Protein backbone atom coordinates (compact mmCIF):
# COMPACT_ATOMS: atom_id res chain seq x y z
CA UNK A 1 68.77 -44.05 -113.37
CA UNK A 2 66.45 -41.29 -112.20
CA UNK A 3 67.41 -39.12 -109.18
CA UNK A 4 66.14 -40.36 -105.86
CA UNK A 5 64.39 -37.55 -103.97
CA UNK A 6 62.91 -38.71 -100.68
CA UNK A 7 61.13 -35.36 -100.16
CA UNK A 8 59.11 -35.77 -103.29
CA UNK A 9 58.30 -39.26 -102.42
CA UNK A 10 56.94 -38.23 -98.99
CA UNK A 11 54.97 -35.17 -100.05
CA UNK A 12 51.97 -36.89 -101.51
CA UNK A 13 51.82 -39.20 -98.54
CA UNK A 14 51.95 -36.31 -96.12
CA UNK A 15 49.15 -34.53 -97.92
CA UNK A 16 46.98 -37.60 -97.80
CA UNK A 17 47.55 -38.05 -94.06
CA UNK A 18 46.66 -34.42 -93.18
CA UNK A 19 43.32 -34.46 -95.01
CA UNK A 20 42.16 -37.84 -93.88
CA UNK A 21 41.00 -36.95 -90.27
CA UNK A 22 38.65 -34.22 -91.50
CA UNK A 23 37.19 -36.47 -94.06
CA UNK A 24 36.88 -39.19 -91.49
CA UNK A 25 35.38 -36.74 -88.97
CA UNK A 26 32.80 -35.46 -91.39
CA UNK A 27 31.98 -38.85 -92.55
CA UNK A 28 31.46 -40.15 -88.91
CA UNK A 29 29.20 -37.24 -87.73
CA UNK A 30 27.19 -37.20 -90.95
CA UNK A 31 26.91 -40.88 -90.87
CA UNK A 32 25.94 -41.07 -87.17
CA UNK A 33 24.21 -37.70 -86.63
CA UNK A 34 20.84 -39.26 -85.91
CA UNK A 35 22.29 -41.64 -83.35
CA UNK A 36 24.26 -38.92 -81.60
CA UNK A 37 21.21 -36.68 -81.11
CA UNK A 38 19.14 -39.65 -80.06
CA UNK A 39 21.69 -40.48 -77.35
CA UNK A 40 21.80 -36.84 -76.10
CA UNK A 41 18.03 -36.67 -75.98
CA UNK A 42 17.82 -40.00 -74.14
CA UNK A 43 20.32 -38.83 -71.52
CA UNK A 44 18.34 -35.62 -70.95
CA UNK A 45 15.08 -37.57 -70.59
CA UNK A 46 16.70 -39.99 -68.15
CA UNK A 47 18.05 -37.05 -66.08
CA UNK A 48 14.64 -35.42 -65.92
CA UNK A 49 12.97 -38.68 -64.93
CA UNK A 50 15.64 -39.33 -62.30
CA UNK A 51 15.08 -35.87 -60.79
CA UNK A 52 11.36 -36.42 -60.37
CA UNK A 53 11.85 -40.00 -59.27
CA UNK A 54 14.42 -39.37 -56.55
CA UNK A 55 13.61 -35.85 -55.24
CA UNK A 56 12.21 -35.68 -51.59
CA UNK A 57 8.46 -35.81 -51.43
CA UNK A 58 6.96 -32.45 -50.18
CA UNK A 59 5.46 -32.55 -46.67
CA UNK A 60 1.73 -32.84 -46.70
CA UNK A 61 0.22 -29.67 -45.26
CA UNK A 62 -2.64 -30.33 -42.84
CA UNK A 63 -5.18 -27.76 -41.90
CA UNK A 64 -7.04 -27.62 -38.60
CA UNK A 65 -9.91 -29.99 -38.36
CA UNK A 66 -13.50 -28.87 -38.55
CA UNK A 67 -13.97 -29.38 -34.83
CA UNK A 68 -16.35 -27.51 -32.56
CA UNK A 69 -15.87 -26.53 -28.88
CA UNK A 70 -19.14 -25.13 -27.55
CA UNK A 71 -19.58 -23.92 -23.95
CA UNK A 72 -23.13 -23.77 -22.64
CA UNK A 73 -23.50 -21.89 -19.33
CA UNK A 74 -25.47 -18.97 -17.83
CA UNK A 75 -24.42 -15.45 -18.75
CA UNK A 76 -25.38 -14.03 -15.34
CA UNK A 77 -25.04 -15.73 -11.97
CA UNK A 78 -25.64 -14.66 -8.36
CA UNK A 79 -22.29 -14.20 -6.65
CA UNK A 80 -21.50 -17.13 -4.40
CA UNK A 81 -23.57 -19.58 -6.47
CA UNK A 82 -22.37 -22.62 -8.43
CA UNK A 83 -22.08 -22.36 -12.20
CA UNK A 84 -22.67 -25.47 -14.36
CA UNK A 85 -20.78 -25.55 -17.66
CA UNK A 86 -21.69 -28.03 -20.43
CA UNK A 87 -18.79 -28.23 -22.87
CA UNK A 88 -19.70 -29.97 -26.16
CA UNK A 89 -16.84 -31.29 -28.32
CA UNK A 90 -17.87 -32.29 -31.89
CA UNK A 91 -15.95 -33.65 -34.89
CA UNK A 92 -17.51 -32.06 -37.98
CA UNK A 93 -15.02 -33.67 -40.38
CA UNK A 94 -16.55 -35.84 -43.16
CA UNK A 95 -13.91 -38.59 -43.18
CA UNK A 96 -11.14 -37.98 -40.62
CA UNK A 97 -11.04 -39.49 -37.13
CA UNK A 98 -9.69 -37.33 -34.27
CA UNK A 99 -7.51 -38.98 -31.62
CA UNK A 100 -5.31 -38.13 -28.57
CA UNK A 101 -7.93 -35.65 -27.40
CA UNK A 102 -7.50 -33.73 -24.16
CA UNK A 103 -9.59 -30.84 -22.84
CA UNK A 104 -7.82 -28.10 -20.88
CA UNK A 105 -9.75 -25.52 -18.82
CA UNK A 106 -8.39 -22.26 -17.39
CA UNK A 107 -10.49 -20.87 -14.53
CA UNK A 108 -10.49 -17.14 -13.73
CA UNK A 109 -9.90 -15.85 -10.21
CA UNK A 110 -13.06 -16.33 -8.20
CA UNK A 111 -14.18 -19.48 -10.05
CA UNK A 112 -13.18 -22.77 -8.40
CA UNK A 113 -13.71 -26.32 -9.66
CA UNK A 114 -16.14 -28.40 -7.57
CA UNK A 115 -16.91 -31.57 -9.56
CA UNK A 116 -17.39 -32.83 -13.11
CA UNK A 117 -18.60 -35.63 -15.34
CA UNK A 118 -16.39 -37.31 -16.41
CA UNK A 119 -13.92 -36.85 -13.56
CA UNK A 120 -10.99 -34.56 -14.17
CA UNK A 121 -7.44 -35.88 -14.47
CA UNK A 122 -6.24 -33.53 -11.70
CA UNK A 123 -7.52 -32.04 -8.45
CA UNK A 124 -7.90 -28.54 -9.88
CA UNK A 125 -10.27 -29.80 -12.58
CA UNK A 126 -8.26 -28.28 -15.42
CA UNK A 127 -7.54 -31.42 -17.52
CA UNK A 128 -9.94 -33.99 -18.96
CA UNK A 129 -9.38 -37.06 -21.15
CA UNK A 130 -11.66 -37.18 -24.20
CA UNK A 131 -12.37 -40.35 -26.24
CA UNK A 132 -11.60 -40.52 -29.98
CA UNK A 133 -14.16 -38.73 -32.12
CA UNK A 134 -15.32 -40.26 -35.41
CA UNK A 135 -16.78 -38.05 -38.13
CA UNK A 136 -20.01 -36.43 -36.93
CA UNK A 137 -19.56 -37.72 -33.37
CA UNK A 138 -19.68 -35.46 -30.25
CA UNK A 139 -19.06 -35.80 -26.53
CA UNK A 140 -19.96 -33.59 -23.54
CA UNK A 141 -17.99 -32.61 -20.42
CA UNK A 142 -20.06 -31.16 -17.57
CA UNK A 143 -18.22 -29.05 -14.99
CA UNK A 144 -19.55 -27.47 -11.82
CA UNK A 145 -17.62 -24.48 -10.37
CA UNK A 146 -18.17 -22.24 -7.32
CA UNK A 147 -18.22 -18.50 -8.02
CA UNK A 148 -17.08 -15.66 -5.80
CA UNK A 149 -16.42 -12.02 -6.52
CA UNK A 150 -17.81 -8.53 -6.40
CA UNK A 151 -21.16 -7.93 -8.03
CA UNK A 152 -20.99 -6.94 -11.71
CA UNK A 153 -17.52 -8.50 -12.05
CA UNK A 154 -16.91 -10.70 -15.11
CA UNK A 155 -15.61 -14.27 -14.95
CA UNK A 156 -14.27 -15.78 -18.21
CA UNK A 157 -13.61 -19.52 -18.57
CA UNK A 158 -11.15 -20.57 -21.30
CA UNK A 159 -11.27 -24.02 -22.96
CA UNK A 160 -8.62 -25.63 -25.19
CA UNK A 161 -9.14 -28.93 -27.03
CA UNK A 162 -5.87 -30.66 -27.97
CA UNK A 163 -6.21 -33.29 -30.77
CA UNK A 164 -4.52 -35.17 -33.63
CA UNK A 165 -5.66 -36.76 -36.89
CA UNK A 166 -5.76 -40.56 -36.62
CA UNK A 167 -3.10 -41.08 -39.32
CA UNK A 168 -0.83 -38.08 -38.58
CA UNK A 169 1.38 -37.05 -35.66
CA UNK A 170 0.78 -33.29 -35.88
CA UNK A 171 -1.06 -31.75 -32.89
CA UNK A 172 -3.71 -29.08 -33.08
CA UNK A 173 -5.60 -26.89 -30.61
CA UNK A 174 -9.14 -25.54 -30.79
CA UNK A 175 -10.00 -22.76 -28.33
CA UNK A 176 -13.20 -21.30 -26.95
CA UNK A 177 -14.32 -19.17 -23.99
CA UNK A 178 -17.39 -18.15 -22.03
CA UNK A 179 -18.05 -15.08 -19.86
CA UNK A 180 -20.55 -14.70 -17.07
CA UNK A 181 -21.33 -11.66 -14.94
CA UNK A 182 -21.89 -11.90 -11.21
CA UNK A 183 -25.05 -10.34 -9.85
CA UNK A 184 -26.22 -9.79 -6.29
CA UNK A 185 -26.31 -13.08 -4.43
CA UNK A 186 -29.43 -14.64 -3.04
CA UNK A 187 -29.04 -12.59 0.13
CA UNK A 188 -31.77 -10.16 1.01
CA UNK A 189 -30.12 -7.01 2.39
CA UNK A 190 -32.02 -4.05 3.82
CA UNK A 191 -30.77 -0.78 5.35
CA UNK A 192 -32.99 1.59 7.31
CA UNK A 193 -32.26 4.92 8.97
CA UNK A 194 -33.22 8.59 9.16
CA UNK A 195 -33.41 10.62 5.98
CA UNK A 196 -32.72 13.80 7.94
CA UNK A 197 -30.85 14.58 11.14
CA UNK A 198 -28.86 17.39 12.69
CA UNK A 199 -25.29 17.36 13.93
CA UNK A 200 -26.44 17.12 17.54
CA UNK A 201 -28.93 14.28 17.28
CA UNK A 202 -28.28 10.63 17.92
CA UNK A 203 -28.97 8.61 14.75
CA UNK A 204 -29.90 4.91 14.60
CA UNK A 205 -29.42 2.63 11.58
CA UNK A 206 -30.68 -0.94 11.19
CA UNK A 207 -29.21 -3.49 8.78
CA UNK A 208 -31.15 -6.71 8.07
CA UNK A 209 -29.96 -9.70 6.04
CA UNK A 210 -31.36 -13.12 5.06
CA UNK A 211 -30.08 -16.10 3.09
CA UNK A 212 -32.74 -16.79 0.48
CA UNK A 213 -30.63 -19.29 -1.49
CA UNK A 214 -30.84 -23.07 -1.33
CA UNK A 215 -27.33 -23.44 0.08
CA UNK A 216 -25.41 -22.43 3.17
CA UNK A 217 -23.41 -19.22 2.68
CA UNK A 218 -20.02 -19.76 4.31
CA UNK A 219 -17.52 -17.30 5.76
CA UNK A 220 -19.83 -14.30 5.47
CA UNK A 221 -19.53 -10.89 7.05
CA UNK A 222 -21.29 -7.53 7.00
CA UNK A 223 -19.32 -4.33 6.47
CA UNK A 224 -20.54 -0.74 6.83
CA UNK A 225 -18.80 2.11 5.05
CA UNK A 226 -19.36 5.23 7.15
CA UNK A 227 -19.38 8.66 5.51
CA UNK A 228 -16.98 11.40 6.58
CA UNK A 229 -18.20 13.11 9.72
CA UNK A 230 -20.01 10.08 11.16
CA UNK A 231 -19.04 9.24 14.73
CA UNK A 232 -19.69 5.58 15.58
CA UNK A 233 -21.19 5.21 19.05
CA UNK A 234 -22.28 1.62 19.72
CA UNK A 235 -24.01 -1.33 18.11
CA UNK A 236 -25.96 -4.47 18.92
CA UNK A 237 -24.35 -6.89 18.47
CA UNK A 238 -20.91 -5.40 18.96
CA UNK A 239 -18.74 -5.01 15.89
CA UNK A 240 -16.08 -7.66 15.33
CA UNK A 241 -13.49 -5.37 13.73
CA UNK A 242 -13.00 -1.61 13.89
CA UNK A 243 -16.57 -0.64 14.67
CA UNK A 244 -17.77 -1.34 11.11
CA UNK A 245 -17.33 -5.09 10.45
CA UNK A 246 -19.51 -7.91 11.84
CA UNK A 247 -18.56 -11.55 11.29
CA UNK A 248 -21.62 -13.57 10.26
CA UNK A 249 -19.83 -16.91 9.76
CA UNK A 250 -21.91 -19.60 8.04
CA UNK A 251 -25.45 -18.48 7.21
CA UNK A 252 -27.83 -21.41 6.77
CA UNK A 253 -30.68 -21.46 4.27
CA UNK A 254 -33.45 -19.03 5.32
CA UNK A 255 -31.33 -17.83 8.27
CA UNK A 256 -31.42 -14.10 8.97
CA UNK A 257 -29.89 -11.48 11.22
CA UNK A 258 -30.04 -7.82 12.20
CA UNK A 259 -27.54 -5.20 13.34
CA UNK A 260 -28.54 -1.95 15.03
CA UNK A 261 -25.99 0.83 15.45
CA UNK A 262 -26.08 4.38 16.67
CA UNK A 263 -23.86 7.39 16.26
CA UNK A 264 -23.90 11.04 15.32
CA UNK A 265 -22.77 13.54 12.70
CA UNK A 266 -21.32 15.99 15.21
CA UNK A 267 -18.64 17.38 12.87
CA UNK A 268 -20.92 17.70 9.83
CA UNK A 269 -22.33 20.90 8.43
CA UNK A 270 -26.00 21.65 7.69
CA UNK A 271 -26.94 20.91 4.10
CA UNK A 272 -24.46 18.06 3.65
CA UNK A 273 -25.71 14.71 2.36
CA UNK A 274 -24.17 11.64 3.98
CA UNK A 275 -24.24 8.19 2.36
CA UNK A 276 -24.00 5.12 4.58
CA UNK A 277 -23.31 1.91 2.64
CA UNK A 278 -23.82 -1.69 3.77
CA UNK A 279 -21.98 -4.58 2.08
CA UNK A 280 -22.66 -8.29 2.52
CA UNK A 281 -19.40 -10.11 1.78
CA UNK A 282 -18.09 -13.67 1.63
CA UNK A 283 -14.53 -14.94 1.85
CA UNK A 284 -13.09 -15.97 -1.50
CA UNK A 285 -10.56 -18.72 -2.14
CA UNK A 286 -7.78 -16.16 -2.51
CA UNK A 287 -8.28 -14.93 1.06
CA UNK A 288 -10.08 -11.73 0.03
CA UNK A 289 -13.68 -10.80 0.76
CA UNK A 290 -16.04 -10.22 -2.17
CA UNK A 291 -19.18 -8.10 -2.18
CA UNK A 292 -22.32 -10.20 -2.67
CA UNK A 293 -24.94 -7.52 -2.16
CA UNK A 294 -24.98 -3.86 -1.23
CA UNK A 295 -27.40 -1.22 0.00
CA UNK A 296 -27.02 2.45 0.85
CA UNK A 297 -29.01 5.22 2.48
CA UNK A 298 -28.71 9.01 2.20
CA UNK A 299 -29.09 11.17 5.32
CA UNK A 300 -29.24 14.96 4.96
CA UNK A 301 -27.76 17.06 7.76
CA UNK A 302 -30.06 19.81 8.97
CA UNK A 303 -29.35 22.58 11.45
CA UNK A 304 -29.15 21.62 15.13
CA UNK A 305 -31.70 23.45 17.26
CA UNK A 306 -28.98 24.44 19.72
CA UNK A 307 -25.43 24.86 18.58
CA UNK A 308 -22.23 25.03 20.65
CA UNK A 309 -18.68 25.07 19.29
CA UNK A 310 -15.09 25.44 20.53
CA UNK A 311 -12.39 27.66 19.07
CA UNK A 312 -8.71 27.70 20.01
CA UNK A 313 -7.95 31.42 20.25
CA UNK A 314 -4.19 30.97 20.04
CA UNK A 315 -4.07 28.82 16.90
CA UNK A 316 -7.36 28.00 15.21
CA UNK A 317 -6.01 24.94 13.35
CA UNK A 318 -3.55 23.87 16.07
CA UNK A 319 -3.21 20.13 16.46
CA UNK A 320 -0.23 20.08 18.82
CA UNK A 321 0.36 21.66 22.23
CA UNK A 322 3.65 21.81 24.10
CA UNK A 323 4.22 21.25 27.83
CA UNK A 324 3.79 24.59 29.63
CA UNK A 325 1.45 26.07 26.99
CA UNK A 326 -1.64 28.01 28.08
CA UNK A 327 -4.68 27.00 26.03
CA UNK A 328 -7.27 29.73 25.45
CA UNK A 329 -10.71 28.80 24.13
CA UNK A 330 -13.86 30.54 23.03
CA UNK A 331 -17.19 28.74 23.48
CA UNK A 332 -19.72 29.98 20.92
CA UNK A 333 -23.41 29.09 21.21
CA UNK A 334 -26.54 29.85 19.19
CA UNK A 335 -30.24 29.03 19.06
CA UNK A 336 -31.07 27.70 15.57
CA UNK A 337 -34.62 26.70 16.43
CA UNK A 338 -37.75 28.62 15.53
CA UNK A 339 -38.74 28.98 19.20
CA UNK A 340 -36.96 30.39 22.22
CA UNK A 341 -34.76 28.09 24.33
CA UNK A 342 -35.14 28.51 28.09
CA UNK A 343 -32.90 27.39 30.89
CA UNK A 344 -29.90 26.82 28.62
CA UNK A 345 -26.98 24.86 30.07
CA UNK A 346 -23.54 24.58 28.45
CA UNK A 347 -20.90 22.12 29.66
CA UNK A 348 -17.27 21.58 28.70
CA UNK A 349 -15.42 18.37 29.59
CA UNK A 350 -11.60 18.35 29.61
CA UNK A 351 -10.11 14.88 29.23
CA UNK A 352 -6.32 14.77 29.65
CA UNK A 353 -3.83 13.85 32.34
CA UNK A 354 -1.51 16.43 30.77
CA UNK A 355 -3.69 19.39 31.82
CA UNK A 356 -3.07 21.31 35.03
CA UNK A 357 -6.68 21.58 36.18
CA UNK A 358 -5.64 23.86 39.06
CA UNK A 359 -4.94 26.50 36.40
CA UNK A 360 -8.42 26.23 34.89
CA UNK A 361 -10.17 29.60 34.74
CA UNK A 362 -13.62 30.39 33.27
CA UNK A 363 -15.52 33.60 33.97
CA UNK A 364 -18.99 33.19 35.51
CA UNK A 365 -18.69 29.40 35.24
CA UNK A 366 -18.98 26.58 37.70
CA UNK A 367 -15.89 24.38 37.97
CA UNK A 368 -16.10 20.80 39.13
CA UNK A 369 -13.11 18.55 38.55
CA UNK A 370 -12.49 18.52 34.82
CA UNK A 371 -15.89 20.03 33.91
CA UNK A 372 -16.76 23.65 33.20
CA UNK A 373 -20.46 24.59 33.03
CA UNK A 374 -22.49 27.76 32.49
CA UNK A 375 -26.15 28.45 33.17
CA UNK A 376 -28.40 31.43 33.84
CA UNK A 377 -26.98 31.78 37.39
CA UNK A 378 -23.69 33.09 35.95
CA UNK A 379 -24.80 34.15 32.46
CA UNK A 380 -28.27 35.78 32.53
CA UNK A 381 -28.63 35.54 28.73
CA UNK A 382 -28.91 31.75 29.07
CA UNK A 383 -32.22 32.04 30.89
CA UNK A 384 -34.04 32.81 27.66
CA UNK A 385 -32.24 32.43 24.31
CA UNK A 386 -34.41 33.67 21.47
CA UNK A 387 -34.24 32.28 17.91
CA UNK A 388 -30.98 33.22 16.12
CA UNK A 389 -29.51 34.71 19.31
CA UNK A 390 -25.90 33.75 20.08
CA UNK A 391 -23.10 34.43 22.52
CA UNK A 392 -19.49 33.67 23.44
CA UNK A 393 -17.90 32.34 26.63
CA UNK A 394 -14.19 31.93 27.44
CA UNK A 395 -11.92 29.70 29.48
CA UNK A 396 -8.23 28.81 29.65
CA UNK A 397 -6.08 26.04 31.08
CA UNK A 398 -2.35 25.23 31.12
CA UNK A 399 -0.54 22.11 29.99
CA UNK A 400 1.67 20.61 32.68
CA UNK A 401 5.43 20.96 32.35
CA UNK A 402 6.60 18.24 32.23
CA UNK A 403 3.39 16.91 30.73
CA UNK A 404 3.69 13.71 32.79
CA UNK A 405 5.85 12.40 35.60
CA UNK A 406 5.25 8.76 34.80
CA UNK A 407 6.09 6.63 31.77
CA UNK A 408 2.92 7.53 29.83
CA UNK A 409 3.38 7.98 26.09
CA UNK A 410 1.53 9.80 23.32
CA UNK A 411 -0.42 12.21 25.52
CA UNK A 412 -3.48 14.00 24.19
CA UNK A 413 -5.90 16.75 25.17
CA UNK A 414 -9.56 16.08 24.32
CA UNK A 415 -12.12 18.81 25.03
CA UNK A 416 -15.83 18.18 24.37
CA UNK A 417 -18.75 20.58 24.47
CA UNK A 418 -22.49 20.01 24.85
CA UNK A 419 -25.66 22.07 25.32
CA UNK A 420 -29.24 21.57 26.45
CA UNK A 421 -32.33 23.54 27.49
CA UNK A 422 -35.76 22.93 28.95
CA UNK A 423 -37.04 22.23 25.45
CA UNK A 424 -34.18 19.81 24.70
CA UNK A 425 -33.64 18.10 28.03
CA UNK A 426 -30.95 15.69 26.78
CA UNK A 427 -27.55 17.23 26.14
CA UNK A 428 -26.88 17.81 22.44
CA UNK A 429 -23.25 17.20 21.49
CA UNK A 430 -21.28 20.17 20.23
CA UNK A 431 -17.84 20.88 18.84
CA UNK A 432 -14.64 19.33 20.12
CA UNK A 433 -10.91 20.01 20.18
CA UNK A 434 -8.26 17.29 20.04
CA UNK A 435 -4.61 18.12 20.59
CA UNK A 436 -1.46 16.03 20.78
CA UNK A 437 1.24 16.87 23.30
CA UNK A 438 4.73 17.36 21.89
CA UNK A 439 7.82 15.79 23.41
CA UNK A 440 10.65 18.12 24.45
CA UNK A 441 14.12 16.69 23.94
CA UNK A 442 17.56 17.83 25.01
CA UNK A 443 21.21 17.63 23.91
CA UNK A 444 23.88 17.71 26.62
CA UNK A 445 27.47 18.21 25.44
CA UNK A 446 30.29 17.70 27.95
CA UNK A 447 34.07 17.48 27.88
CA UNK A 448 36.51 15.42 29.96
CA UNK A 449 40.31 15.70 30.14
CA UNK A 450 42.32 12.61 29.11
CA UNK A 451 46.01 13.57 28.73
CA UNK A 452 48.46 16.22 27.62
CA UNK A 453 48.98 19.86 28.52
CA UNK A 454 46.40 21.60 30.65
CA UNK A 455 45.73 24.29 29.70
CA UNK A 456 46.54 23.38 26.08
CA UNK A 457 49.95 24.55 24.94
CA UNK A 458 51.42 25.51 21.57
CA UNK A 459 53.35 22.61 20.06
CA UNK A 460 51.94 19.95 22.38
CA UNK A 461 48.87 17.71 22.14
CA UNK A 462 45.98 17.57 24.57
CA UNK A 463 43.40 14.79 24.40
CA UNK A 464 39.77 15.17 25.50
CA UNK A 465 36.72 12.95 25.64
CA UNK A 466 33.62 14.50 24.05
CA UNK A 467 30.33 13.25 25.52
CA UNK A 468 27.00 13.87 23.72
CA UNK A 469 23.86 12.82 25.61
CA UNK A 470 20.32 12.73 24.13
CA UNK A 471 17.22 12.70 26.38
CA UNK A 472 13.56 12.71 25.44
CA UNK A 473 10.07 13.12 26.89
CA UNK A 474 6.76 11.33 26.17
CA UNK A 475 6.94 10.46 22.44
CA UNK A 476 9.21 8.23 20.38
CA UNK A 477 11.39 10.05 17.85
CA UNK A 478 12.15 8.39 14.52
CA UNK A 479 14.74 9.02 11.78
CA UNK A 480 16.92 10.70 14.41
CA UNK A 481 20.38 12.01 13.55
CA UNK A 482 23.02 14.16 15.27
CA UNK A 483 25.84 15.90 13.42
CA UNK A 484 28.77 18.16 14.33
CA UNK A 485 32.03 19.39 12.83
CA UNK A 486 35.57 18.75 14.08
CA UNK A 487 38.02 21.51 13.07
CA UNK A 488 40.79 20.25 10.78
CA UNK A 489 43.50 21.41 13.18
CA UNK A 490 42.79 18.32 15.28
CA UNK A 491 44.21 15.97 12.67
CA UNK A 492 42.66 12.72 11.45
CA UNK A 493 39.67 11.42 13.37
CA UNK A 494 39.98 7.78 14.48
CA UNK A 495 36.66 5.93 14.44
CA UNK A 496 38.14 3.44 16.89
CA UNK A 497 38.08 6.15 19.53
CA UNK A 498 34.27 6.11 19.48
CA UNK A 499 32.53 4.22 22.27
CA UNK A 500 31.74 0.66 21.23
CA UNK A 501 27.99 0.99 22.00
CA UNK A 502 27.46 3.53 19.18
CA UNK A 503 30.52 3.01 16.97
CA UNK A 504 28.52 1.24 14.27
CA UNK A 505 26.16 4.23 14.03
CA UNK A 506 28.89 6.84 13.43
CA UNK A 507 30.32 8.12 10.15
CA UNK A 508 33.10 10.64 9.65
CA UNK A 509 33.82 12.61 6.48
CA UNK A 510 37.52 13.53 6.47
CA UNK A 511 37.08 16.00 3.60
CA UNK A 512 34.66 18.18 5.60
CA UNK A 513 35.39 17.15 9.18
CA UNK A 514 31.70 16.27 9.66
CA UNK A 515 30.75 13.59 12.15
CA UNK A 516 27.29 12.02 11.76
CA UNK A 517 25.60 9.91 14.43
CA UNK A 518 22.69 7.83 13.04
CA UNK A 519 20.57 7.63 16.17
CA UNK A 520 17.50 6.08 14.49
CA UNK A 521 14.76 5.68 17.10
CA UNK A 522 15.08 7.76 20.26
CA UNK A 523 12.64 6.15 22.65
CA UNK A 524 10.16 8.08 24.76
CA UNK A 525 11.46 9.00 28.22
CA UNK A 526 15.06 8.30 27.16
CA UNK A 527 17.25 9.30 30.08
CA UNK A 528 14.44 8.77 32.60
CA UNK A 529 12.42 5.58 32.24
CA UNK A 530 14.71 4.17 29.53
CA UNK A 531 18.47 4.67 29.02
CA UNK A 532 19.69 7.90 27.46
CA UNK A 533 21.53 7.64 24.14
CA UNK A 534 25.18 8.60 24.71
CA UNK A 535 27.98 9.07 22.19
CA UNK A 536 31.59 9.27 23.45
CA UNK A 537 34.72 9.77 21.38
CA UNK A 538 38.25 11.19 21.67
CA UNK A 539 39.40 14.47 20.14
CA UNK A 540 42.94 15.87 20.17
CA UNK A 541 43.98 19.55 20.18
CA UNK A 542 47.30 20.50 18.57
CA UNK A 543 47.49 24.31 19.00
CA UNK A 544 49.62 26.42 16.65
CA UNK A 545 51.30 29.73 17.59
CA UNK A 546 48.35 31.59 16.06
CA UNK A 547 46.07 29.96 18.66
CA UNK A 548 47.96 31.33 21.66
CA UNK A 549 45.74 33.21 24.09
CA UNK A 550 42.48 31.79 22.63
CA UNK A 551 40.17 28.92 23.48
CA UNK A 552 40.02 26.24 20.78
CA UNK A 553 36.73 24.94 19.35
CA UNK A 554 36.61 21.16 19.58
CA UNK A 555 33.04 20.47 18.28
CA UNK A 556 31.17 23.02 16.23
CA UNK A 557 27.58 23.33 14.99
CA UNK A 558 26.12 20.48 17.04
CA UNK A 559 22.64 19.72 15.57
CA UNK A 560 19.99 17.08 16.22
CA UNK A 561 17.25 16.31 13.70
CA UNK A 562 14.34 13.87 14.09
CA UNK A 563 10.62 13.36 13.57
CA UNK A 564 8.15 13.03 16.42
CA UNK A 565 6.50 9.70 15.70
CA UNK A 566 3.26 10.77 17.46
CA UNK A 567 2.74 14.44 16.57
CA UNK A 568 4.60 14.03 13.23
CA UNK A 569 6.43 17.29 13.91
CA UNK A 570 9.99 17.85 12.71
CA UNK A 571 12.56 18.18 15.50
CA UNK A 572 15.50 20.59 15.12
CA UNK A 573 17.70 21.07 18.19
CA UNK A 574 21.12 22.56 18.72
CA UNK A 575 23.54 23.28 21.56
CA UNK A 576 26.62 25.39 22.18
CA UNK A 577 29.97 24.46 20.65
CA UNK A 578 32.39 22.44 22.74
CA UNK A 579 35.67 24.33 23.29
CA UNK A 580 38.72 23.90 25.49
CA UNK A 581 36.92 26.27 27.89
CA UNK A 582 34.03 23.77 28.22
CA UNK A 583 36.12 21.52 30.47
CA UNK A 584 34.99 21.71 34.07
CA UNK A 585 37.37 23.79 36.20
CA UNK A 586 38.80 25.84 33.37
CA UNK A 587 38.48 29.04 35.39
CA UNK A 588 41.71 27.94 37.01
CA UNK A 589 43.32 27.39 33.64
CA UNK A 590 42.63 30.75 31.99
CA UNK A 591 39.31 29.47 30.64
CA UNK A 592 41.03 26.96 28.40
CA UNK A 593 43.14 29.57 26.61
CA UNK A 594 46.16 28.16 24.76
CA UNK A 595 49.47 28.84 26.49
CA UNK A 596 52.39 29.99 24.30
């Protein structure tokens, strides 16, 4: 019987089993290769088709429509007139309808909506409904607006057309604008006057105006801009405001008016050219006046035939005088004419309640009240003053001290000169001097005993009340402030020890010992016709052995600073320090010397 070997039996079987999958695998791929690649290709095609089929559709980009916004209006317009705007809206698209149309207008300052066709959606006339526009269709909006503004100013109207395509929700805007320039209104304005004058002559100007438009001009006025050196005298009719503005009110069609004014160029120099300008204005909707027309005239200053001037000999450019001052003046005169002047008279008028006329002195002059005059009786040279001849006269006068005894404020000194002769029988105005009177003020510092040792004693405390009193004369002071220093030996300063009336105006700096009193406004005649400003507070003296035999300073460096609200001068006042010797009756207490 042959040997039974299971291993041999299994070997061929095992070999067959290990080779079979490869053979099977090869056989399956080779057999089905075409089908496999067909399936892969089909899946790829399906994926590509699915991507294009199910991806989001891109948003359709719309461009602005071919739409036209045209504004037809004048490019120049008389100021104050009404401008008519024709705004044409046209759809130039070939196929698309435009819907949801709305016209928006933005008016510049000085251009105000009046009426329109069609009517606006709001009172201001800035919004208009527009019907749908089919291809090639147009519509017009007519707007009337009232103009106002200075001549040559530009007014730009902005228009915006809001619209949509009929089958889309997107909104679009088409913009346009139009500018017009304002010219002189339909007001005839004329200005007449001398082309030459001298500083002594009276000059007369005439302003004429007429409404040549077809409408009433409302809220009108005439304004004159005077050149430097012109002194307004009077006018017919009288000015409404400040001597240079006349209210015209409503000026009807073809209505006219005239203003005549007179004045002089007394402070002008020969050879100067002076330009007087007239403006016809109307009130705009913003509350401001706008120039509608303007005219100007040039007047050349020539030499006055007779010249007289004043010179302050103490301070040539002085603008302020103090109570008690003596004012010294020189009166200079000259014949500028080509012929002799005979019987010359010179007069000086002094206008001020602050002057002590009893002190008035003028050599060879005649004095009558507040007038000083010279003629040939006292000055022989005035009998016949040849061309180019000149001379000098003098006078002086004192300012009262005090300048006034009543409650008058802001006192001035005004001195005028004038000259005439037989050839020029009417007085020709000459130079003048204008001074403001200053306002003397005063600080009074006093001390009162409260408690403690008297005289002060080493090692003990003595309390005093410090009293600072401010008085003033005829002008208000502004930005007023008083300061002083409290020596550190007195210890901490207690603000509660300040009088309640001024406590809120006091500050104390402990690091420096400086007390500041914010006075603010110190009224004119404080301490006389109105209450004085008074600051009261407590100070304490605590003498040390080193202070024995000496008086102690309680308040040092007392200073008052302010500005005169009338003369605009700076005020700088001071007073003596307050010491323990300042207490009344200290002669009986060793003049406030500290006892050991």
